[in-house]
C-alpha atoms as a PDB file:
ATOM      1  CA  MET A   1      -0.290  -0.097   0.114  1.00  0.00           C
ATOM      2  CA  PRO A   2       1.694   3.430  -0.898  1.00  0.00           C
ATOM      3  CA  SER A   3       2.448   6.356   1.463  1.00  0.00           C
ATOM      4  CA  PRO A   4       0.050   9.037   2.137  1.00  0.00           C
ATOM      5  CA  THR A   5       0.458  11.495  -0.689  1.00  0.00           C
ATOM      6  CA  THR A   6      -0.157  15.307  -0.936  1.00  0.00           C
ATOM      7  CA  ASN A   7      -3.907  14.141  -2.443  1.00  0.00           C
ATOM      8  CA  ASP A   8      -4.748  12.598   1.100  1.00  0.00           C
ATOM      9  CA  HIS A   9      -5.457  15.018   2.977  1.00  0.00           C
ATOM     10  CA  ILE A  10      -6.211  12.826   6.481  1.00  0.00           C
ATOM     11  CA  VAL A  11      -5.577   9.214   6.657  1.00  0.00           C
ATOM     12  CA  SER A  12      -5.745   7.029   9.687  1.00  0.00           C
ATOM     13  CA  LEU A  13      -3.015   4.279  10.630  1.00  0.00           C
ATOM     14  CA  ARG A  14      -3.738   1.523  13.338  1.00  0.00           C
ATOM     15  CA  GLY A  15      -1.008   0.736  15.290  1.00  0.00           C
ATOM     16  CA  GLU A  16       3.033   1.673  15.056  1.00  0.00           C
ATOM     17  CA  ARG A  17       3.772  -0.912  12.261  1.00  0.00           C
ATOM     18  CA  GLU A  18       1.183   0.408   9.961  1.00  0.00           C
ATOM     19  CA  LEU A  19       2.345   4.234  10.915  1.00  0.00           C
ATOM     20  CA  VAL A  20       5.980   2.883   9.605  1.00  0.00           C
ATOM     21  CA  ARG A  21       4.639   0.929   6.908  1.00  0.00           C
ATOM     22  CA  ARG A  22       2.713   4.067   5.572  1.00  0.00           C
ATOM     23  CA  ALA A  23       4.129   7.057   7.129  1.00  0.00           C
ATOM     24  CA  GLY A  24       7.597   6.241   7.769  1.00  0.00           C
ATOM     25  CA  GLY A  25       9.175   7.838   4.764  1.00  0.00           C
ATOM     26  CA  LEU A  26       7.656  10.657   6.195  1.00  0.00           C
ATOM     27  CA  PHE A  27       9.822  10.720   9.404  1.00  0.00           C
ATOM     28  CA  THR A  28      13.049  10.205   7.142  1.00  0.00           C
ATOM     29  CA  GLY A  29      11.894  12.464   4.940  1.00  0.00           C
ATOM     30  CA  ALA A  30      12.436  15.576   7.235  1.00  0.00           C
ATOM     31  CA  ARG A  31      15.014  17.979   6.263  1.00  0.00           C
ATOM     32  CA  GLU A  32      13.912  21.241   8.284  1.00  0.00           C
ATOM     33  CA  GLU A  33      12.012  20.796  11.516  1.00  0.00           C
ATOM     34  CA  PHE A  34      10.785  18.028  13.375  1.00  0.00           C
ATOM     35  CA  LEU A  35       8.425  18.827  16.170  1.00  0.00           C
ATOM     36  CA  CYS A  36       7.420  15.941  18.523  1.00  0.00           C
ATOM     37  CA  ALA A  37       5.067  16.675  21.573  1.00  0.00           C
ATOM     38  CA  ALA A  38       3.846  13.775  23.711  1.00  0.00           C
ATOM     39  CA  ALA A  39       2.789  13.324  27.381  1.00  0.00           C
ATOM     40  CA  ASP A  40       6.203  10.113  27.666  1.00  0.00           C
ATOM     41  CA  LEU A  41       8.384   7.977  25.570  1.00  0.00           C
ATOM     42  CA  VAL A  42       5.614   5.554  24.871  1.00  0.00           C
ATOM     43  CA  THR A  43       3.403   7.367  22.183  1.00  0.00           C
ATOM     44  CA  PHE A  44       5.870   7.734  19.751  1.00  0.00           C
ATOM     45  CA  SER A  45       9.043   5.813  20.075  1.00  0.00           C
ATOM     46  CA  PRO A  46       8.502   2.910  18.641  1.00  0.00           C
ATOM     47  CA  GLY A  47       7.275   3.843  15.446  1.00  0.00           C
ATOM     48  CA  VAL A  48       9.648   6.564  15.079  1.00  0.00           C
ATOM     49  CA  ASN A  49      12.222   4.610  16.047  1.00  0.00           C
ATOM     50  CA  ALA A  50      11.293   1.888  13.948  1.00  0.00           C
ATOM     51  CA  ALA A  51      11.372   4.473  11.029  1.00  0.00           C
ATOM     52  CA  PHE A  52      14.478   5.948  11.579  1.00  0.00           C
ATOM     53  CA  ALA A  53      16.585   2.113  12.371  1.00  0.00           C
ATOM     54  CA  GLU A  54      14.819   1.488   8.697  1.00  0.00           C
ATOM     55  CA  GLY A  55      15.691   4.501   6.779  1.00  0.00           C
ATOM     56  CA  GLY A  56      18.198   6.166   8.701  1.00  0.00           C
ATOM     57  CA  ARG A  57      17.614   9.533  10.750  1.00  0.00           C
ATOM     58  CA  PRO A  58      18.465  12.522   8.768  1.00  0.00           C
ATOM     59  CA  PRO A  59      21.696  14.127  10.904  1.00  0.00           C
ATOM     60  CA  LEU A  60      21.298  16.861  13.342  1.00  0.00           C
ATOM     61  CA  VAL A  61      23.846  19.766  12.105  1.00  0.00           C
ATOM     62  CA  PRO A  62      24.060  23.350  11.857  1.00  0.00           C
ATOM     63  CA  GLY A  63      21.952  24.623   9.591  1.00  0.00           C
ATOM     64  CA  GLY A  64      20.201  21.244   9.007  1.00  0.00           C
ATOM     65  CA  LEU A  65      17.239  19.580  10.359  1.00  0.00           C
ATOM     66  CA  VAL A  66      16.073  20.901  14.102  1.00  0.00           C
ATOM     67  CA  MET A  67      14.695  18.027  15.925  1.00  0.00           C
ATOM     68  CA  ARG A  68      12.413  19.398  19.240  1.00  0.00           C
ATOM     69  CA  LYS A  69      10.631  17.168  21.232  1.00  0.00           C
ATOM     70  CA  LEU A  70       8.558  18.403  24.046  1.00  0.00           C
ATOM     71  CA  TYR A  71       7.017  16.133  26.695  1.00  0.00           C
ATOM     72  CA  THR A  72       5.668  15.926  29.999  1.00  0.00           C
ATOM     73  CA  PRO A  73       7.083  15.026  33.673  1.00  0.00           C
ATOM     74  CA  ARG A  74       5.648  11.481  33.072  1.00  0.00           C
ATOM     75  CA  ALA A  75       8.634  10.974  30.489  1.00  0.00           C
ATOM     76  CA  LEU A  76      10.661  10.956  33.275  1.00  0.00           C
ATOM     77  CA  ALA A  77       9.054   8.670  35.480  1.00  0.00           C
ATOM     78  CA  ASP A  78      12.031   6.485  36.232  1.00  0.00           C
ATOM     79  CA  HIS A  79      16.171   6.226  35.830  1.00  0.00           C
ATOM     80  CA  ALA A  80      15.970   4.892  32.635  1.00  0.00           C
ATOM     81  CA  SER A  81      13.351   6.748  30.892  1.00  0.00           C
ATOM     82  CA  GLU A  82      15.382  10.018  32.381  1.00  0.00           C
ATOM     83  CA  GLN A  83      18.789   8.739  30.682  1.00  0.00           C
ATOM     84  CA  ARG A  84      17.080   7.667  27.620  1.00  0.00           C
ATOM     85  CA  LEU A  85      16.015  11.858  27.139  1.00  0.00           C
ATOM     86  CA  VAL A  86      19.827  12.893  28.373  1.00  0.00           C
ATOM     87  CA  ARG A  87      20.879  10.666  25.584  1.00  0.00           C
ATOM     88  CA  ILE A  88      18.200  11.964  23.072  1.00  0.00           C
ATOM     89  CA  ALA A  89      19.131  15.328  23.921  1.00  0.00           C
ATOM     90  CA  ALA A  90      22.852  14.567  23.914  1.00  0.00           C
ATOM     91  CA  SER A  91      22.295  13.326  20.643  1.00  0.00           C
ATOM     92  CA  GLY A  92      21.701  16.783  19.252  1.00  0.00           C
ATOM     93  CA  ALA A  93      17.978  17.235  19.448  1.00  0.00           C
ATOM     94  CA  GLN A  94      16.387  20.179  21.875  1.00  0.00           C
ATOM     95  CA  VAL A  95      14.151  18.465  24.871  1.00  0.00           C
ATOM     96  CA  ARG A  96      11.904  20.104  26.781  1.00  0.00           C
ATOM     97  CA  ILE A  97       9.509  19.224  29.544  1.00  0.00           C
ATOM     98  CA  SER A  98       5.990  21.176  30.051  1.00  0.00           C
ATOM     99  CA  ALA A  99       4.307  21.219  33.556  1.00  0.00           C
ATOM    100  CA  ALA A 100       0.898  21.630  31.750  1.00  0.00           C
ATOM    101  CA  PRO A 101      -0.779  19.069  29.783  1.00  0.00           C
ATOM    102  CA  LEU A 102      -0.289  18.929  26.246  1.00  0.00           C
ATOM    103  CA  ALA A 103      -3.425  19.785  23.974  1.00  0.00           C
ATOM    104  CA  HIS A 104      -2.282  16.714  21.525  1.00  0.00           C
ATOM    105  CA  GLU A 105       0.443  14.846  21.319  1.00  0.00           C
ATOM    106  CA  ALA A 106       1.411  14.787  17.622  1.00  0.00           C
ATOM    107  CA  ILE A 107       4.726  15.323  15.098  1.00  0.00           C
ATOM    108  CA  VAL A 108       5.155  17.813  13.014  1.00  0.00           C
ATOM    109  CA  ILE A 109       7.663  17.862  10.174  1.00  0.00           C
ATOM    110  CA  ASP A 110       8.952  20.686   8.066  1.00  0.00           C
ATOM    111  CA  ARG A 111       5.450  21.957   8.683  1.00  0.00           C
ATOM    112  CA  ARG A 112       3.724  20.170   5.467  1.00  0.00           C
ATOM    113  CA  VAL A 113       2.537  17.313   7.609  1.00  0.00           C
ATOM    114  CA  ALA A 114       0.897  16.408  10.994  1.00  0.00           C
ATOM    115  CA  ILE A 115       0.854  13.389  12.735  1.00  0.00           C
ATOM    116  CA  LEU A 116      -2.161  12.977  15.829  1.00  0.00           C
ATOM    117  CA  ALA A 117      -1.592  10.211  18.499  1.00  0.00           C
ATOM    118  CA  GLY A 118      -5.166   8.673  19.132  1.00  0.00           C
ATOM    119  CA  ALA A 119      -5.776   7.192  22.708  1.00  0.00           C
ATOM    120  CA  PRO A 120      -4.824   3.683  23.164  1.00  0.00           C
ATOM    121  CA  VAL A 121      -7.757   1.007  22.866  1.00  0.00           C
ATOM    122  CA  ARG A 122      -7.190  -2.216  23.799  1.00  0.00           C
ATOM    123  CA  GLY A 123      -3.473  -1.327  23.781  1.00  0.00           C
ATOM    124  CA  VAL A 124      -3.217   0.003  19.782  1.00  0.00           C
ATOM    125  CA  ARG A 125      -3.568   3.479  18.955  1.00  0.00           C
ATOM    126  CA  THR A 126      -4.779   4.882  15.706  1.00  0.00           C
ATOM    127  CA  PHE A 127      -2.334   7.896  14.207  1.00  0.00           C
ATOM    128  CA  THR A 128      -4.399  10.415  11.987  1.00  0.00           C
ATOM    129  CA  VAL A 129      -1.696  11.688   9.364  1.00  0.00           C
ATOM    130  CA  ILE A 130      -3.048  15.239   7.981  1.00  0.00           C
ATOM    131  CA  GLN A 131      -1.037  17.149   4.769  1.00  0.00           C
ATOM    132  CA  SER A 132      -3.872  19.763   4.789  1.00  0.00           C
ATOM    133  CA  PRO A 133      -1.726  23.071   5.064  1.00  0.00           C
ATOM    134  CA  ILE A 134      -4.231  25.196   7.052  1.00  0.00           C
ATOM    135  CA  ALA A 135      -4.936  22.188   9.251  1.00  0.00           C
ATOM    136  CA  VAL A 136      -1.040  21.325   9.704  1.00  0.00           C
ATOM    137  CA  GLU A 137      -0.385  24.820  10.824  1.00  0.00           C
ATOM    138  CA  GLY A 138      -2.710  24.758  12.865  1.00  0.00           C
ATOM    139  CA  VAL A 139      -1.437  21.671  14.760  1.00  0.00           C
ATOM    140  CA  ARG A 140       2.219  23.133  14.745  1.00  0.00           C
ATOM    141  CA  ALA A 141       0.641  26.454  16.299  1.00  0.00           C
ATOM    142  CA  LEU A 142      -0.658  24.652  19.251  1.00  0.00           C
ATOM    143  CA  VAL A 143       2.343  22.242  19.652  1.00  0.00           C
ATOM    144  CA  TYR A 144       4.851  25.326  19.563  1.00  0.00           C
ATOM    145  CA  ALA A 145       2.769  27.550  22.019  1.00  0.00           C
ATOM    146  CA  ALA A 146       3.400  24.604  24.446  1.00  0.00           C
ATOM    147  CA  TRP A 147       6.911  24.545  23.117  1.00  0.00           C
ATOM    148  CA  GLU A 148       7.821  28.351  23.687  1.00  0.00           C
ATOM    149  CA  THR A 149       6.733  27.941  27.682  1.00  0.00           C
ATOM    150  CA  ALA A 150       8.424  24.495  28.466  1.00  0.00           C
ATOM    151  CA  THR A 151      11.537  24.337  30.084  1.00  0.00           C
ATOM    152  CA  ASP A 152      14.524  22.972  28.717  1.00  0.00           C
ATOM    153  CA  LEU A 153      15.477  19.100  30.305  1.00  0.00           C
ATOM    154  CA  ALA A 154      18.415  20.095  31.673  1.00  0.00           C
ATOM    155  CA  GLU A 155      17.323  23.303  33.835  1.00  0.00           C
ATOM    156  CA  PHE A 156      14.258  20.992  34.637  1.00  0.00           C
ATOM    157  CA  ARG A 157      16.460  18.054  35.728  1.00  0.00           C
ATOM    158  CA  ARG A 158      17.991  20.868  38.037  1.00  0.00           C
ATOM    159  CA  THR A 159      15.358  22.743  39.609  1.00  0.00           C
ATOM    160  CA  ARG A 160      12.465  20.152  39.540  1.00  0.00           C
ATOM    161  CA  PRO A 161      11.663  19.416  43.822  1.00  0.00           C
ATOM    162  CA  PRO A 162      12.860  15.740  44.666  1.00  0.00           C
ATOM    163  CA  ALA A 163      11.009  12.124  44.909  1.00  0.00           C
ATOM    164  CA  LEU A 164      10.839  11.916  48.943  1.00  0.00           C
ATOM    165  CA  ASP A 165       9.220   8.621  50.742  1.00  0.00           C
ATOM    166  CA  GLU A 166       7.573   8.885  53.584  1.00  0.00           C
ATOM    167  CA  GLU A 167      10.083   7.614  55.649  1.00  0.00           C
ATOM    168  CA  ALA A 168      11.993  11.235  54.243  1.00  0.00           C
ATOM    169  CA  ARG A 169       9.010  13.254  54.745  1.00  0.00           C
ATOM    170  CA  ARG A 170       8.930  12.280  58.654  1.00  0.00           C
ATOM    171  CA  VAL A 171      12.715  13.333  59.011  1.00  0.00           C
ATOM    172  CA  LEU A 172      12.037  16.659  57.925  1.00  0.00           C
ATOM    173  CA  ARG A 173       9.159  17.096  60.389  1.00  0.00           C
ATOM    174  CA  ALA A 174      11.363  16.399  63.026  1.00  0.00           C
ATOM    175  CA  LEU A 175      13.802  18.816  62.094  1.00  0.00           C
ATOM    176  CA  GLY A 176      10.986  21.259  61.264  1.00  0.00           C
ATOM    177  CA  ALA A 177       9.950  19.980  64.958  1.00  0.00           C
ATOM    178  CA  GLY A 178      13.308  21.279  66.329  1.00  0.00           C
ATOM    179  CA  GLN A 179      14.096  17.673  68.038  1.00  0.00           C
ATOM    180  CA  THR A 180      17.428  16.919  68.839  1.00  0.00           C
ATOM    181  CA  ASP A 181      18.836  14.390  67.007  1.00  0.00           C
ATOM    182  CA  GLU A 182      18.692  11.558  69.600  1.00  0.00           C
ATOM    183  CA  VAL A 183      14.843  12.675  70.322  1.00  0.00           C
ATOM    184  CA  ALA A 184      13.947  12.131  66.920  1.00  0.00           C
ATOM    185  CA  ALA A 185      15.741   8.925  66.058  1.00  0.00           C
ATOM    186  CA  ARG A 186      14.002   7.339  68.782  1.00  0.00           C
ATOM    187  CA  GLU A 187      10.531   8.586  67.282  1.00  0.00           C
ATOM    188  CA  LEU A 188      10.922   7.628  64.210  1.00  0.00           C
ATOM    189  CA  GLY A 189      12.072   4.196  65.213  1.00  0.00           C
ATOM    190  CA  MET A 190      15.877   4.524  63.853  1.00  0.00           C
ATOM    191  CA  SER A 191      19.482   4.746  65.144  1.00  0.00           C
ATOM    192  CA  LEU A 192      21.258   7.922  65.566  1.00  0.00           C
ATOM    193  CA  ARG A 193      23.548   6.639  62.679  1.00  0.00           C
ATOM    194  CA  THR A 194      20.768   6.630  60.118  1.00  0.00           C
ATOM    195  CA  PHE A 195      18.713   9.129  61.580  1.00  0.00           C
ATOM    196  CA  ARG A 196      21.995  11.213  60.457  1.00  0.00           C
ATOM    197  CA  ARG A 197      22.692   9.607  57.266  1.00  0.00           C
ATOM    198  CA  ARG A 198      19.283  10.154  56.076  1.00  0.00           C
ATOM    199  CA  VAL A 199      19.554  14.017  56.988  1.00  0.00           C
ATOM    200  CA  ALA A 200      22.541  14.494  55.247  1.00  0.00           C
ATOM    201  CA  GLU A 201      21.043  12.361  52.246  1.00  0.00           C
ATOM    202  CA  LEU A 202      18.555  15.044  52.458  1.00  0.00           C
ATOM    203  CA  MET A 203      20.448  18.131  52.528  1.00  0.00           C
ATOM    204  CA  THR A 204      22.356  16.790  49.302  1.00  0.00           C
ATOM    205  CA  ALA A 205      18.758  16.454  47.503  1.00  0.00           C
ATOM    206  CA  LEU A 206      17.294  19.499  48.727  1.00  0.00           C
ATOM    207  CA  GLY A 207      20.169  21.388  48.013  1.00  0.00           C
ATOM    208  CA  ALA A 208      21.149  22.635  51.140  1.00  0.00           C
ATOM    209  CA  THR A 209      24.027  23.340  52.808  1.00  0.00           C
ATOM    210  CA  SER A 210      22.310  23.707  56.449  1.00  0.00           C
ATOM    211  CA  ARG A 211      19.749  21.793  58.568  1.00  0.00           C
ATOM    212  CA  PHE A 212      18.109  25.091  58.398  1.00  0.00           C
ATOM    213  CA  GLN A 213      18.473  25.330  54.708  1.00  0.00           C
ATOM    214  CA  ALA A 214      16.978  21.977  54.156  1.00  0.00           C
ATOM    215  CA  GLY A 215      13.894  23.005  56.283  1.00  0.00           C
ATOM    216  CA  LEU A 216      13.202  26.215  54.899  1.00  0.00           C
ATOM    217  CA  ARG A 217      13.377  23.961  51.135  1.00  0.00           C
ATOM    218  CA  ALA A 218      10.876  21.672  52.622  1.00  0.00           C
ATOM    219  CA  ARG A 219       8.603  24.464  53.742  1.00  0.00           C
ATOM    220  CA  GLU A 220       8.999  25.879  50.280  1.00  0.00           C
ATOM    221  CA  LEU A 221       7.983  22.348  48.830  1.00  0.00           C
ATOM    222  CA  ASP A 222       5.523  21.709  51.594  1.00  0.00           C
ATOM    223  CA  PHE A 223       7.415  18.490  51.437  1.00  0.00           C
ATOM    224  CA  ASP A 224       7.071  19.260  55.751  1.00  0.00           C
ATOM    225  CA  GLY A 225       3.298  18.820  55.475  1.00  0.00           C
ATOM    226  CA  ARG A 226       2.407  22.308  56.589  1.00  0.00           C
ATOM    227  CA  GLY A 227       0.853  23.648  53.942  1.00  0.00           C
ATOM    228  CA  GLY A 228       3.353  25.826  52.521  1.00  0.00           C
ATOM    229  CA  ALA A 229       4.033  27.367  49.384  1.00  0.00           C
ATOM    230  CA  GLY A 230       2.817  24.156  47.309  1.00  0.00           C
ATOM    231  CA  ASN A 231      -0.567  24.421  48.314  1.00  0.00           C
END
């Protein structure tokens, strides 16, 4: 079956295999801009990676193809996914994280074609390929508006609040209450050595150079449960 042509303004493709088979050439044919917006690394990655593996990804060189990838924080849900994003950025792609939900999960190629991802139904997504110039420009405008307000991946990783488990939050609450290490450790059911190690780890995670700074940072992020700026 031939790939979508300029006469096919809207084509629906079911699943990544059909996406690659019928529209893979659109990915590898990108020459100016490859703009991708997705909630996580699952939506488009299988199809796009398969297309690039088969046809080769256009080189990202100065004056050549610009690849912009926009994700939500879900794309950094685990260490492996986060490191994958870091590698994508290191390959020359521009990667940003949007704190707001994305209006569309879409790919826009060279301002001439847009691919929208539908919600998965029984594990299979339907992709809509659009080649109407007006519709493509409309999709690009929505995606680019989100891109403009998003945060660069490196900056997002540097400034995002650390993920703290319940034990860490209990340690922070003990610090905020002004308890001595001995009293706090006893009430938390841990050894004094373990308590002090956890305090040191939290200071590092919060970017604090003192316990006082750690307490202030915890209040800013509402990690101590007192209803600070996080509410």
